[in-house]
N, C-alpha and C. Protein backbone atom coordinates (compact mmCIF):
# COMPACT_ATOMS: atom_id res chain seq x y z
N UNK A 1 100.97 50.72 86.48
CA UNK A 1 101.75 50.61 85.36
C UNK A 1 101.29 49.09 84.79
N UNK A 2 101.69 49.51 83.67
CA UNK A 2 101.65 48.54 82.24
C UNK A 2 101.65 46.72 82.48
N UNK A 3 100.80 46.40 82.82
CA UNK A 3 101.55 44.84 82.79
C UNK A 3 102.53 44.38 81.71
N UNK A 4 102.15 44.69 80.40
CA UNK A 4 103.07 43.83 79.36
C UNK A 4 104.43 44.09 79.46
N UNK A 5 104.71 45.37 79.99
CA UNK A 5 106.28 45.57 80.19
C UNK A 5 106.39 45.09 81.43
N UNK A 6 105.94 44.70 82.62
CA UNK A 6 106.84 44.36 83.62
C UNK A 6 106.07 43.02 83.99
N UNK A 7 105.94 42.00 83.40
CA UNK A 7 105.63 40.65 83.13
C UNK A 7 106.81 40.03 83.77
N UNK A 8 106.35 39.01 84.41
CA UNK A 8 107.49 38.19 85.20
C UNK A 8 108.86 39.02 86.29
N UNK A 9 108.65 40.05 86.39
CA UNK A 9 109.24 40.87 87.40
C UNK A 9 108.55 40.60 88.41
N UNK A 10 109.38 41.03 89.66
CA UNK A 10 108.82 41.38 90.72
C UNK A 10 108.55 42.34 91.38
N UNK A 11 106.93 42.62 91.56
CA UNK A 11 106.80 44.16 92.00
C UNK A 11 107.91 44.90 92.16
N UNK A 12 108.90 44.84 93.09
CA UNK A 12 109.95 45.55 94.13
C UNK A 12 110.46 46.07 92.66
N UNK A 13 110.86 45.48 91.55
CA UNK A 13 111.37 45.74 90.37
C UNK A 13 110.90 46.31 89.50
N UNK A 14 109.70 46.25 89.52
CA UNK A 14 108.76 46.97 88.42
C UNK A 14 109.04 48.11 88.64
N UNK A 15 108.45 48.59 89.90
CA UNK A 15 108.27 49.82 90.58
C UNK A 15 109.89 50.66 90.47
N UNK A 16 111.00 49.75 90.74
CA UNK A 16 112.21 50.53 90.68
C UNK A 16 112.50 50.93 89.69
N UNK A 17 111.69 50.25 87.92
CA UNK A 17 112.12 50.31 86.81
C UNK A 17 110.84 52.01 86.43
N UNK A 18 110.08 51.42 86.98
CA UNK A 18 108.84 52.75 86.53
C UNK A 18 109.42 54.29 87.69
N UNK A 19 109.67 53.85 88.47
CA UNK A 19 110.40 54.99 89.24
C UNK A 19 111.40 55.72 88.43
N UNK A 20 112.58 54.87 87.98
CA UNK A 20 113.46 55.26 86.94
C UNK A 20 113.15 56.36 85.64
N UNK A 21 112.21 55.50 84.91
CA UNK A 21 111.78 56.26 83.88
C UNK A 21 110.62 57.12 83.77
N UNK A 22 109.76 57.10 85.11
CA UNK A 22 109.14 58.45 85.12
C UNK A 22 109.75 59.68 86.33
N UNK A 23 110.38 58.95 86.89
CA UNK A 23 110.85 59.78 88.11
C UNK A 23 110.11 60.04 89.36
N UNK A 24 110.62 60.56 89.94
CA UNK A 24 109.91 60.42 91.51
C UNK A 24 108.72 60.98 91.44
N UNK A 25 108.24 62.12 90.61
CA UNK A 25 107.34 63.37 90.57
C UNK A 25 106.78 63.91 89.44
N UNK A 26 106.44 62.58 88.35
CA UNK A 26 106.35 62.85 87.45
C UNK A 26 105.32 63.84 87.16
N UNK A 27 105.26 65.04 86.04
CA UNK A 27 104.04 65.97 85.96
C UNK A 27 102.98 64.95 85.85
N UNK A 28 101.84 66.14 86.11
CA UNK A 28 100.39 65.39 86.13
C UNK A 28 100.29 66.25 84.64
N UNK A 29 99.32 65.11 83.78
CA UNK A 29 98.43 65.61 82.96
C UNK A 29 97.59 66.78 83.29
N UNK A 30 97.74 67.81 81.97
CA UNK A 30 96.93 68.57 81.94
C UNK A 30 95.74 68.43 81.67
N UNK A 31 94.58 68.88 82.20
CA UNK A 31 93.31 68.62 81.13
C UNK A 31 93.12 70.00 80.46
N UNK A 32 93.05 69.05 79.11
CA UNK A 32 92.74 70.44 78.12
C UNK A 32 91.55 70.73 77.48
N UNK A 33 91.16 71.82 77.27
CA UNK A 33 89.61 72.29 76.91
C UNK A 33 90.10 72.99 75.63
N UNK A 34 89.18 72.93 74.80
CA UNK A 34 88.74 73.35 73.58
C UNK A 34 89.54 75.41 73.65
N UNK A 35 89.61 75.84 73.70
CA UNK A 35 89.65 77.13 73.16
C UNK A 35 91.46 77.60 73.97
N UNK A 36 92.21 76.86 74.28
CA UNK A 36 93.39 76.70 74.54
C UNK A 36 94.66 76.80 73.57
N UNK A 37 94.14 77.07 72.11
CA UNK A 37 94.99 76.78 71.12
C UNK A 37 95.16 75.53 70.84
N UNK A 38 94.74 74.53 71.02
CA UNK A 38 95.20 73.26 70.87
C UNK A 38 94.06 72.68 69.47
N UNK A 39 93.51 73.90 69.21
CA UNK A 39 92.11 72.62 68.72
C UNK A 39 92.79 71.78 67.61
N UNK A 40 93.84 72.53 66.79
CA UNK A 40 94.46 71.87 65.41
C UNK A 40 94.88 70.68 65.78
N UNK A 41 95.83 70.66 66.87
CA UNK A 41 96.71 69.66 67.30
C UNK A 41 95.77 67.90 68.02
N UNK A 42 94.23 68.72 68.52
CA UNK A 42 93.86 67.43 69.48
C UNK A 42 93.27 67.04 68.29
N UNK A 43 92.16 68.07 66.78
CA UNK A 43 91.52 66.87 66.39
C UNK A 43 92.23 65.77 65.02
N UNK A 44 93.80 66.53 64.94
CA UNK A 44 94.40 66.05 64.21
C UNK A 44 94.69 64.49 65.45
N UNK A 45 95.15 64.26 66.33
CA UNK A 45 94.67 63.32 67.16
C UNK A 45 94.06 62.58 66.95
N UNK A 46 92.54 62.82 67.07
CA UNK A 46 91.59 62.52 67.59
C UNK A 46 91.27 61.60 65.86
N UNK A 47 91.69 62.20 64.43
CA UNK A 47 91.84 61.59 63.06
C UNK A 47 92.52 60.81 62.60
N UNK A 48 93.75 61.19 63.70
CA UNK A 48 95.04 60.20 63.12
C UNK A 48 95.79 59.19 64.00
N UNK A 49 94.73 59.82 65.37
CA UNK A 49 95.97 58.20 66.30
C UNK A 49 94.95 57.81 67.17
N UNK A 50 93.57 58.56 67.69
CA UNK A 50 92.64 58.39 68.48
C UNK A 50 92.23 56.45 68.29
N UNK A 51 92.67 55.80 67.06
CA UNK A 51 91.79 54.91 66.75
C UNK A 51 92.93 54.05 67.43
N UNK A 52 93.96 54.26 67.54
CA UNK A 52 94.79 53.03 68.47
C UNK A 52 94.94 53.21 69.90
N UNK A 53 95.47 55.01 69.97
CA UNK A 53 96.15 54.96 71.08
C UNK A 53 95.05 55.34 72.04
N UNK A 54 93.93 55.13 71.42
CA UNK A 54 92.26 55.67 71.60
C UNK A 54 92.48 57.37 72.71
N UNK A 55 91.17 57.62 72.47
CA UNK A 55 90.84 59.17 72.77
C UNK A 55 91.18 59.84 74.00
N UNK A 56 91.45 58.52 74.76
CA UNK A 56 91.78 58.76 76.21
C UNK A 56 93.41 58.91 76.61
N UNK A 57 94.14 58.27 75.25
CA UNK A 57 95.20 58.38 75.74
C UNK A 57 95.44 57.09 76.53
N UNK A 58 94.36 56.05 76.18
CA UNK A 58 94.27 54.98 77.37
C UNK A 58 95.84 53.63 76.76
N UNK A 59 96.08 53.67 75.04
CA UNK A 59 96.33 53.11 74.02
C UNK A 59 95.80 51.78 74.28
N UNK A 60 96.44 50.64 73.08
CA UNK A 60 95.76 49.54 73.42
C UNK A 60 96.81 48.44 73.57
N UNK A 61 96.47 47.11 74.49
CA UNK A 61 97.77 46.27 74.46
C UNK A 61 97.86 45.48 73.26
N UNK A 62 98.83 45.54 73.27
CA UNK A 62 99.57 44.81 71.85
C UNK A 62 99.49 45.36 70.39
N UNK A 63 98.78 46.72 70.68
CA UNK A 63 98.36 47.46 69.23
C UNK A 63 98.99 48.96 69.10
N UNK A 64 99.27 49.30 70.61
CA UNK A 64 99.87 50.65 70.33
C UNK A 64 99.87 51.37 72.23
N UNK A 65 101.25 51.63 72.11
CA UNK A 65 101.21 52.02 73.66
C UNK A 65 100.20 53.52 74.16
N UNK A 66 100.37 53.42 75.48
CA UNK A 66 99.57 54.15 76.01
C UNK A 66 100.27 55.81 75.97
N UNK A 67 99.32 57.18 75.91
CA UNK A 67 99.71 58.50 76.19
C UNK A 67 100.41 58.70 77.40
N UNK A 68 98.82 58.24 77.80
CA UNK A 68 99.29 58.92 79.38
C UNK A 68 100.86 58.17 79.75
N UNK A 69 101.60 58.60 80.93
CA UNK A 69 102.82 58.29 81.43
C UNK A 69 103.55 57.79 80.13
N UNK A 70 103.25 58.59 79.45
CA UNK A 70 104.61 58.17 78.30
C UNK A 70 105.68 58.50 78.62
N UNK A 71 107.15 58.49 78.76
CA UNK A 71 108.78 59.39 79.27
C UNK A 71 108.79 59.75 77.62
N UNK A 72 108.37 59.46 76.91
CA UNK A 72 109.18 60.28 75.34
C UNK A 72 108.04 61.45 75.23
N UNK A 73 106.95 61.76 75.79
CA UNK A 73 106.11 62.87 75.79
C UNK A 73 106.69 64.24 76.89
N UNK A 74 107.81 63.58 77.46
CA UNK A 74 108.11 64.54 78.38
C UNK A 74 109.68 65.00 78.01
N UNK A 75 110.22 64.11 77.54
CA UNK A 75 111.77 64.68 76.62
C UNK A 75 112.10 66.35 76.28
N UNK A 76 112.97 66.34 76.72
CA UNK A 76 112.86 67.69 76.28
C UNK A 76 113.19 67.87 74.96
N UNK A 77 112.80 69.46 74.38
CA UNK A 77 113.20 69.26 72.85
C UNK A 77 112.14 68.42 71.85
N UNK A 78 111.85 67.46 72.24
CA UNK A 78 110.49 67.00 71.48
C UNK A 78 110.81 65.69 70.10
N UNK A 79 112.47 65.41 70.19
CA UNK A 79 113.13 64.79 68.84
C UNK A 79 112.59 63.16 69.12
N UNK A 80 112.50 63.00 69.67
CA UNK A 80 112.01 61.83 69.70
C UNK A 80 110.32 61.42 69.05
N UNK A 81 109.76 62.01 69.82
CA UNK A 81 108.45 62.11 69.41
C UNK A 81 108.42 62.57 67.75
N UNK A 82 108.70 63.42 67.53
CA UNK A 82 108.64 64.11 66.09
C UNK A 82 109.05 63.25 65.22
N UNK A 83 110.32 62.71 65.56
CA UNK A 83 111.15 61.60 64.40
C UNK A 83 109.89 60.49 64.58
N UNK A 84 108.99 59.90 65.72
CA UNK A 84 108.25 58.89 65.91
C UNK A 84 106.99 58.69 64.70
N UNK A 85 106.68 60.21 65.30
CA UNK A 85 105.65 60.47 64.69
C UNK A 85 106.14 60.56 62.88
N UNK A 86 106.99 61.38 62.32
CA UNK A 86 106.92 61.38 60.97
C UNK A 86 107.53 59.73 60.40
N UNK A 87 108.53 59.27 61.01
CA UNK A 87 108.79 57.79 60.83
C UNK A 87 108.50 56.72 60.85
N UNK A 88 107.09 56.92 62.20
CA UNK A 88 106.42 55.66 62.68
C UNK A 88 107.27 54.81 63.77
N UNK A 89 107.26 53.55 63.86
CA UNK A 89 108.02 53.08 64.99
C UNK A 89 107.90 51.22 64.42
N UNK A 90 108.82 50.34 64.51
CA UNK A 90 108.56 48.92 64.48
C UNK A 90 107.93 48.27 65.03
N UNK A 91 107.15 47.09 64.57
CA UNK A 91 106.95 46.20 65.58
C UNK A 91 107.77 45.60 66.52
N UNK A 92 107.39 45.45 68.05
CA UNK A 92 108.48 45.00 68.64
C UNK A 92 107.87 43.78 69.42
N UNK A 93 108.75 42.76 69.57
CA UNK A 93 108.71 41.61 70.84
C UNK A 93 109.31 42.03 72.08
N UNK A 94 108.72 41.59 73.10
CA UNK A 94 108.63 41.06 74.64
C UNK A 94 108.65 39.96 74.84
N UNK A 95 109.72 39.83 76.00
CA UNK A 95 109.66 38.82 76.50
C UNK A 95 108.01 38.01 77.00
N UNK A 96 107.96 37.17 76.71
CA UNK A 96 106.48 36.56 77.35
C UNK A 96 105.74 36.14 76.30
N UNK A 97 106.34 35.89 75.24
CA UNK A 97 104.98 36.83 74.00
C UNK A 97 104.33 37.53 74.02
N UNK A 98 104.84 38.70 74.33
CA UNK A 98 103.89 39.90 74.22
C UNK A 98 104.19 41.10 72.94
N UNK A 99 103.67 41.97 72.55
CA UNK A 99 104.15 42.27 71.41
C UNK A 99 103.53 43.92 71.32
N UNK A 100 103.95 44.63 70.39
CA UNK A 100 103.35 46.01 70.47
C UNK A 100 103.60 46.05 68.62
N UNK A 101 102.03 46.25 68.02
CA UNK A 101 102.19 46.76 66.48
C UNK A 101 103.26 47.43 66.08
N UNK A 102 103.38 47.90 64.89
CA UNK A 102 103.94 48.83 64.35
C UNK A 102 103.00 50.10 63.98
N UNK A 103 104.00 50.97 63.99
CA UNK A 103 102.93 52.89 64.13
C UNK A 103 103.46 52.92 62.91
N UNK A 104 102.29 53.87 61.74
CA UNK A 104 102.70 54.24 60.29
C UNK A 104 103.76 55.54 60.62
N UNK A 105 104.26 55.67 60.04
CA UNK A 105 104.68 57.25 60.08
C UNK A 105 104.13 57.72 59.10
N UNK A 106 103.69 59.48 59.46
CA UNK A 106 102.82 60.58 59.42
C UNK A 106 103.92 61.59 57.92
N UNK A 107 104.81 61.29 57.48
CA UNK A 107 105.46 62.33 57.42
C UNK A 107 105.15 62.21 55.47
N UNK A 108 104.16 61.37 55.41
CA UNK A 108 103.92 61.75 54.02
C UNK A 108 101.88 61.93 53.93
N UNK A 109 101.76 62.31 55.17
CA UNK A 109 100.01 62.52 55.21
C UNK A 109 99.88 63.90 56.14
N UNK A 110 100.90 64.46 57.11
CA UNK A 110 101.00 65.87 57.92
C UNK A 110 102.12 66.41 57.22
N UNK A 111 101.57 67.75 57.37
CA UNK A 111 102.45 68.92 57.01
C UNK A 111 103.60 69.19 58.45
N UNK A 112 104.09 69.98 58.23
CA UNK A 112 105.15 70.55 59.30
C UNK A 112 104.34 71.11 60.55
N UNK A 113 103.47 72.23 60.29
CA UNK A 113 102.73 72.75 61.13
C UNK A 113 101.93 71.53 61.81
N UNK A 114 100.59 70.80 61.01
CA UNK A 114 99.98 69.77 61.39
C UNK A 114 101.29 68.94 62.30
N UNK A 115 102.27 68.16 62.52
CA UNK A 115 103.05 67.41 63.28
C UNK A 115 103.24 68.50 64.43
N UNK A 116 103.78 69.86 64.14
CA UNK A 116 104.34 70.03 65.19
C UNK A 116 102.57 70.71 66.42
N UNK A 117 101.82 70.75 65.57
CA UNK A 117 100.55 71.00 66.52
C UNK A 117 99.92 69.49 67.28
N UNK A 118 100.30 68.76 66.70
CA UNK A 118 100.17 67.48 67.32
C UNK A 118 100.75 66.69 68.47
N UNK A 119 102.21 67.10 68.10
CA UNK A 119 103.15 66.94 68.79
C UNK A 119 103.09 68.08 70.22
N UNK A 120 102.67 69.20 70.25
CA UNK A 120 102.73 69.97 71.00
C UNK A 120 101.27 69.90 72.26
N UNK A 121 99.92 68.82 70.85
CA UNK A 121 98.66 68.44 71.99
C UNK A 121 99.09 66.96 72.71
N UNK A 122 100.22 66.29 72.49
CA UNK A 122 100.68 65.34 73.23
C UNK A 122 100.75 65.93 74.58
N UNK A 123 102.48 67.18 74.21
CA UNK A 123 103.41 67.06 75.10
C UNK A 123 102.12 67.72 75.90
N UNK A 124 101.35 68.56 75.89
CA UNK A 124 100.78 69.32 76.59
C UNK A 124 99.72 68.18 77.67
N UNK A 125 98.81 68.09 76.60
CA UNK A 125 97.84 67.16 77.54
C UNK A 125 98.74 65.54 78.07
N UNK A 126 99.56 64.99 77.84
CA UNK A 126 99.68 63.88 78.72
C UNK A 126 101.51 64.00 79.11
N UNK A 127 102.20 64.96 78.60
CA UNK A 127 103.15 65.24 79.17
C UNK A 127 103.79 66.30 79.94
N UNK A 128 102.74 67.09 80.39
CA UNK A 128 102.73 68.33 81.36
C UNK A 128 104.02 68.99 80.91
N UNK A 129 103.66 69.52 79.84
CA UNK A 129 105.03 70.61 79.68
C UNK A 129 104.50 71.57 78.19
N UNK A 130 105.04 72.65 78.14
CA UNK A 130 104.97 73.61 77.24
C UNK A 130 104.40 73.31 75.76
N UNK A 131 103.50 73.61 75.38
CA UNK A 131 103.18 73.06 73.85
C UNK A 131 104.48 74.31 72.69
N UNK A 132 105.65 73.96 73.05
CA UNK A 132 106.31 74.94 72.69
C UNK A 132 107.21 74.48 71.21
N UNK A 133 107.30 73.16 70.52
CA UNK A 133 107.28 72.57 69.30
C UNK A 133 107.56 73.53 67.92
N UNK A 134 107.89 74.02 67.04
CA UNK A 134 107.62 74.80 65.78
C UNK A 134 107.65 73.92 64.83
N UNK A 135 106.78 74.38 63.48
CA UNK A 135 106.86 73.68 62.99
C UNK A 135 108.32 73.84 62.03
N UNK A 136 109.26 74.66 62.23
CA UNK A 136 110.90 75.19 61.84
C UNK A 136 111.42 73.60 62.29
N UNK A 137 111.71 73.07 63.90
CA UNK A 137 111.98 72.15 63.96
C UNK A 137 111.41 71.06 63.21
N UNK A 138 110.20 70.92 63.32
CA UNK A 138 109.96 69.41 62.24
C UNK A 138 110.25 69.56 60.99
N UNK A 139 110.37 70.33 60.66
CA UNK A 139 111.04 70.64 58.87
C UNK A 139 112.35 70.03 59.31
N UNK A 140 112.91 71.10 60.16
CA UNK A 140 114.21 70.10 60.16
C UNK A 140 114.55 68.90 60.48
N UNK A 141 113.56 67.87 61.20
CA UNK A 141 113.88 66.66 61.37
C UNK A 141 113.38 65.90 60.67
N UNK A 142 112.54 66.31 59.45
CA UNK A 142 111.91 66.05 58.41
C UNK A 142 113.25 65.50 57.75
N UNK A 143 114.12 66.73 57.51
CA UNK A 143 115.20 67.01 56.36
C UNK A 143 116.29 65.96 56.91
N UNK A 144 116.49 65.90 58.33
CA UNK A 144 118.03 64.60 58.51
C UNK A 144 117.31 63.09 58.57
N UNK A 145 116.09 62.72 58.38
CA UNK A 145 115.67 61.35 58.06
C UNK A 145 115.29 61.31 56.87
């Protein structure tokens, strides 16, 4: 469990919140290997995201959330994940002087296909979901924002 999110809570309360967010049996991360059709998404992740989120998806305290065990990656349809990649996220403050830096948006740096490939890589690698997000879905969300 990430320390920063649960600081000041009893272990039981933190475990209850964790179980609520992750479910009783969160899907296991899938070991992704080159050749499974995810090369482009993996390359984009390593180039654009791993500096903050780390190569292994562990994240960095006070900088970037972990990809591993990230419930946003497992949401049906991927809308929140796609919008987060397009628009970025604001800096956040948490109790106990904990914080998270802002994340830049990539709408001006990545095209719809690249964002779909990246989102699929994240969902397959750390979300346990199929890589079924399309460039058309990204395009529709880009227009809506």
